[in-house]
Amino acid sequence: MDACINQLNAQMQQHQLPAIVDSFVRLTDAQQTLQLLHLYESAQRMSVKYAYLQNIASKILSQHVLPKELIANIQSLDKLSFFTPGLKFNNNFAQQNTQQQNVLHSLFSNCSGSNLPFNYVRSLMLFESNESLLQAVQQVDQNGLTAVASYIAKNPTEHNLPKHEFSALLALMEVEFKQTQGNINTAAFLKALLTLCQASPTKSLSDYKILLSGAYLRCKTEQIDRYLAQHK
């Protein structure tokens, strides 16, 4: 076991929360990520200690910026939910890694049909005052894609969204549109969508994926179909 995990476990056994928070800054980005993931994984194993372990993670992130390596590890709604109290501090929702991805990019690009995050994220926007979350929705990664664009054009799983998740995704599109004043990188989106199409075993995308693409770009689905057919 890594020395930083042994240190964290020893500090938790002695209920040394201030020491955990203070020593965090002296760790490397990779070690900080290991500690935070250890807290999450421990909480998953020991539900009775979930709130206690989440509180430790929140205290850490209230004092320190989210480590860059952790961003790519937040690929499920369960992880986002665990870290959400801490992400509300230090502009953590909008922190970006070396690929210029934030936690929403990572989550939306990798979420599964059984663990969709859109209604949860939309609820955070409705009931929490958090400027960094609004900022995160409009940020683009190194490929010019927002988090919503990444879900549609990069997530390989074909999801037929439940009504509440579909409505939430449309609401997030609207939020992004208003935040960016409609300034969508159409070329980057279509390039990513074409790459996704070419990587598909059938070399095609579902009608549902095309529908979401049309909704995002605010164009007719026939235009999406035509573009993909012309560039195959």
Protein backbone atom coordinates (compact mmCIF):
# COMPACT_ATOMS: atom_id res chain seq x y z
CA MET A 1 0.00 0.00 0.00
CA ASP A 2 1.27 3.48 -0.85
CA ALA A 3 2.85 5.39 2.02
CA CYS A 4 0.40 8.27 1.61
CA ILE A 5 -2.52 5.84 2.15
CA ASN A 6 -0.87 4.42 5.26
CA GLN A 7 -0.44 7.96 6.51
CA LEU A 8 -4.07 8.81 5.82
CA ASN A 9 -5.32 5.65 7.54
CA ALA A 10 -3.17 6.37 10.60
CA GLN A 11 -4.45 9.95 10.78
CA MET A 12 -8.06 8.81 10.47
CA GLN A 13 -7.62 6.20 13.20
CA GLN A 14 -6.45 8.98 15.50
CA HIS A 15 -9.20 11.36 14.28
CA GLN A 16 -6.62 13.91 13.16
CA LEU A 17 -8.72 15.77 10.59
CA PRO A 18 -6.69 19.03 10.77
CA ALA A 19 -3.49 17.02 10.17
CA ILE A 20 -5.06 15.28 7.16
CA VAL A 21 -6.01 18.61 5.63
CA ASP A 22 -2.68 20.28 6.44
CA SER A 23 -0.51 17.44 5.13
CA PHE A 24 -2.47 17.14 1.88
CA VAL A 25 -0.71 20.13 0.33
CA ARG A 26 2.69 18.45 0.71
CA LEU A 27 1.64 15.47 -1.44
CA THR A 28 2.13 15.17 -5.18
CA ASP A 29 -0.90 15.42 -7.46
CA ALA A 30 -0.83 11.63 -7.88
CA GLN A 31 -0.69 11.05 -4.12
CA GLN A 32 -3.51 13.52 -3.51
CA THR A 33 -5.59 11.62 -6.06
CA LEU A 34 -4.78 8.32 -4.36
CA GLN A 35 -5.91 9.66 -0.98
CA LEU A 36 -9.19 11.04 -2.30
CA LEU A 37 -9.97 7.85 -4.22
CA HIS A 38 -9.14 5.84 -1.10
CA LEU A 39 -11.73 7.85 0.83
CA TYR A 40 -14.32 7.21 -1.89
CA GLU A 41 -13.57 3.50 -2.16
CA SER A 42 -13.62 3.11 1.64
CA ALA A 43 -17.01 4.84 1.73
CA GLN A 44 -18.33 2.41 -0.87
CA ARG A 45 -17.20 -0.55 1.22
CA MET A 46 -18.38 0.83 4.56
CA SER A 47 -21.68 2.61 4.07
CA VAL A 48 -21.98 3.29 7.79
CA LYS A 49 -18.91 5.55 7.50
CA TYR A 50 -19.95 7.19 4.23
CA ALA A 51 -20.85 10.57 5.72
CA TYR A 52 -17.69 10.63 7.85
CA LEU A 53 -15.42 9.83 4.89
CA GLN A 54 -17.24 12.23 2.60
CA ASN A 55 -16.77 14.95 5.20
CA ILE A 56 -13.01 14.34 5.23
CA ALA A 57 -12.88 14.63 1.44
CA SER A 58 -14.97 17.80 1.60
CA LYS A 59 -12.72 19.36 4.23
CA ILE A 60 -9.68 18.60 2.08
CA LEU A 61 -11.22 20.11 -1.05
CA SER A 62 -12.49 23.13 0.84
CA GLN A 63 -8.86 24.02 1.55
CA HIS A 64 -7.09 22.64 -1.54
CA VAL A 65 -7.71 22.69 -5.27
CA LEU A 66 -8.93 19.46 -6.87
CA PRO A 67 -5.90 17.43 -8.05
CA LYS A 68 -5.72 17.20 -11.84
CA GLU A 69 -5.35 13.40 -11.92
CA LEU A 70 -8.61 12.95 -10.03
CA ILE A 71 -10.62 14.66 -12.78
CA ALA A 72 -10.25 11.77 -15.23
CA ASN A 73 -11.21 9.31 -12.46
CA ILE A 74 -14.65 10.83 -11.91
CA GLN A 75 -16.47 8.66 -14.44
CA SER A 76 -19.60 7.70 -12.50
CA LEU A 77 -22.45 9.52 -10.82
CA ASP A 78 -21.55 7.81 -7.54
CA LYS A 79 -18.12 9.43 -7.56
CA LEU A 80 -19.47 12.83 -8.54
CA SER A 81 -22.04 12.63 -5.75
CA PHE A 82 -19.40 11.67 -3.19
CA PHE A 83 -17.14 14.58 -4.12
CA THR A 84 -19.87 17.17 -4.80
CA PRO A 85 -19.70 18.89 -1.36
CA GLY A 86 -15.97 19.47 -1.88
CA LEU A 87 -16.33 20.46 -5.54
CA LYS A 88 -18.37 23.48 -4.46
CA PHE A 89 -15.19 25.08 -3.10
CA ASN A 90 -12.13 26.56 -4.82
CA ASN A 91 -13.80 26.64 -8.24
CA ASN A 92 -13.32 22.86 -8.27
CA PHE A 93 -16.09 22.07 -10.75
CA ALA A 94 -14.24 24.20 -13.29
CA GLN A 95 -10.71 22.92 -12.61
CA GLN A 96 -9.22 21.39 -15.75
CA ASN A 97 -6.61 18.70 -16.34
CA THR A 98 -3.91 18.59 -19.02
CA GLN A 99 -6.56 17.72 -21.64
CA GLN A 100 -8.52 20.80 -20.47
CA GLN A 101 -11.27 18.50 -19.23
CA ASN A 102 -13.26 19.23 -16.08
CA VAL A 103 -15.19 16.70 -14.00
CA LEU A 104 -18.29 17.06 -16.18
CA HIS A 105 -16.29 16.28 -19.31
CA SER A 106 -14.94 13.13 -17.71
CA LEU A 107 -18.28 12.00 -16.34
CA PHE A 108 -20.39 12.76 -19.41
CA SER A 109 -17.89 11.07 -21.74
CA ASN A 110 -17.91 7.85 -19.72
CA CYS A 111 -21.28 7.55 -17.97
CA SER A 112 -23.29 4.38 -18.44
CA GLY A 113 -26.97 3.92 -19.12
CA SER A 114 -27.58 2.68 -15.60
CA ASN A 115 -25.85 5.64 -13.95
CA LEU A 116 -26.82 8.76 -15.88
CA PRO A 117 -25.83 12.12 -14.36
CA PHE A 118 -27.86 14.77 -16.17
CA ASN A 119 -30.81 15.10 -13.80
CA TYR A 120 -28.41 15.22 -10.84
CA VAL A 121 -26.28 17.96 -12.40
CA ARG A 122 -29.35 19.92 -13.46
CA SER A 123 -30.70 19.68 -9.90
CA LEU A 124 -27.42 21.09 -8.58
CA MET A 125 -27.87 24.06 -10.88
CA LEU A 126 -31.46 24.60 -9.80
CA PHE A 127 -30.99 24.30 -6.06
CA GLU A 128 -27.36 25.27 -5.47
CA SER A 129 -25.70 28.63 -6.09
CA ASN A 130 -22.42 27.64 -7.69
CA GLU A 131 -20.73 29.77 -10.33
CA SER A 132 -18.03 27.18 -11.03
CA LEU A 133 -20.68 24.65 -12.09
CA LEU A 134 -22.06 27.12 -14.64
CA GLN A 135 -18.51 27.77 -15.79
CA ALA A 136 -17.86 24.03 -16.12
CA VAL A 137 -20.87 23.57 -18.40
CA GLN A 138 -19.50 26.04 -20.95
CA GLN A 139 -15.80 25.11 -20.78
CA VAL A 140 -14.29 23.36 -23.79
CA ASP A 141 -11.60 20.69 -23.71
CA GLN A 142 -8.53 20.59 -25.95
CA ASN A 143 -10.72 19.28 -28.77
CA GLY A 144 -13.15 22.19 -28.51
CA LEU A 145 -15.96 20.18 -26.90
CA THR A 146 -18.10 21.08 -23.92
CA ALA A 147 -19.22 18.41 -21.47
CA VAL A 148 -22.62 18.02 -23.17
CA ALA A 149 -20.94 17.83 -26.58
CA SER A 150 -18.57 15.20 -25.19
CA TYR A 151 -21.51 13.05 -24.06
CA ILE A 152 -23.14 13.12 -27.47
CA ALA A 153 -20.07 12.96 -29.70
CA LYS A 154 -17.61 10.91 -27.63
CA ASN A 155 -19.52 8.57 -25.30
CA PRO A 156 -19.64 5.28 -27.25
CA THR A 157 -22.60 3.85 -25.32
CA GLU A 158 -25.93 4.20 -27.09
CA HIS A 159 -28.41 5.43 -24.47
CA ASN A 160 -32.14 5.82 -24.94
CA LEU A 161 -32.53 8.28 -22.10
CA PRO A 162 -35.41 8.05 -19.64
CA LYS A 163 -37.74 11.03 -19.90
CA HIS A 164 -36.37 12.84 -16.84
CA GLU A 165 -32.76 12.41 -17.99
CA PHE A 166 -33.62 13.48 -21.52
CA SER A 167 -35.36 16.61 -20.22
CA ALA A 168 -32.38 17.37 -17.98
CA LEU A 169 -29.94 16.98 -20.87
CA LEU A 170 -31.99 19.37 -22.99
CA ALA A 171 -31.98 21.82 -20.07
CA LEU A 172 -28.18 21.57 -19.84
CA MET A 173 -27.95 22.26 -23.58
CA GLU A 174 -30.02 25.38 -23.01
CA VAL A 175 -27.85 26.49 -20.11
CA GLU A 176 -24.74 26.03 -22.24
CA PHE A 177 -26.33 27.88 -25.16
CA LYS A 178 -27.16 30.85 -22.96
CA GLN A 179 -23.76 30.86 -21.24
CA THR A 180 -21.88 30.74 -24.55
CA GLN A 181 -24.38 32.97 -26.36
CA GLY A 182 -24.81 30.23 -28.93
CA ASN A 183 -21.11 30.08 -29.78
CA ILE A 184 -20.85 26.32 -30.46
CA ASN A 185 -17.75 24.82 -32.08
CA THR A 186 -19.70 23.00 -34.77
CA ALA A 187 -16.60 21.81 -36.64
CA ALA A 188 -15.11 20.22 -33.51
CA PHE A 189 -18.42 18.53 -32.66
CA LEU A 190 -18.90 17.08 -36.14
CA LYS A 191 -15.29 15.88 -36.26
CA ALA A 192 -15.76 14.03 -32.95
CA LEU A 193 -19.10 12.63 -34.07
CA LEU A 194 -17.53 11.34 -37.29
CA THR A 195 -14.74 9.68 -35.30
CA LEU A 196 -17.35 8.02 -33.06
CA CYS A 197 -19.27 6.85 -36.12
CA GLN A 198 -16.15 5.36 -37.74
CA ALA A 199 -15.26 3.55 -34.52
CA SER A 200 -18.68 1.91 -34.35
CA PRO A 201 -18.80 -1.76 -35.43
CA THR A 202 -21.60 -0.86 -37.84
CA LYS A 203 -19.94 2.38 -39.02
CA SER A 204 -23.17 4.15 -38.19
CA LEU A 205 -24.90 5.87 -35.31
CA SER A 206 -28.34 5.25 -33.86
CA ASP A 207 -31.25 7.49 -34.80
CA TYR A 208 -31.33 8.56 -31.14
CA LYS A 209 -27.70 9.74 -31.26
CA ILE A 210 -28.46 11.65 -34.46
CA LEU A 211 -31.50 13.19 -32.75
CA LEU A 212 -29.37 14.41 -29.84
CA SER A 213 -26.79 15.78 -32.27
CA GLY A 214 -29.45 17.73 -34.12
CA ALA A 215 -30.83 19.08 -30.85
CA TYR A 216 -27.37 20.17 -29.74
CA LEU A 217 -26.48 21.89 -33.02
CA ARG A 218 -30.05 23.16 -33.48
CA CYS A 219 -30.27 21.78 -36.96
CA LYS A 220 -32.27 19.12 -38.83
CA THR A 221 -31.21 15.52 -38.35
CA GLU A 222 -31.01 15.18 -42.14
CA GLN A 223 -28.06 17.57 -42.09
CA ILE A 224 -26.22 15.36 -39.60
CA ASP A 225 -26.94 12.25 -41.65
CA ARG A 226 -25.74 13.98 -44.79
CA TYR A 227 -22.49 15.09 -43.19
CA LEU A 228 -21.69 11.62 -41.89
CA ALA A 229 -22.52 9.99 -45.23
CA GLN A 230 -20.32 12.45 -47.14
CA HIS A 231 -17.31 11.92 -44.88
CA LYS A 232 -17.35 8.15 -44.40
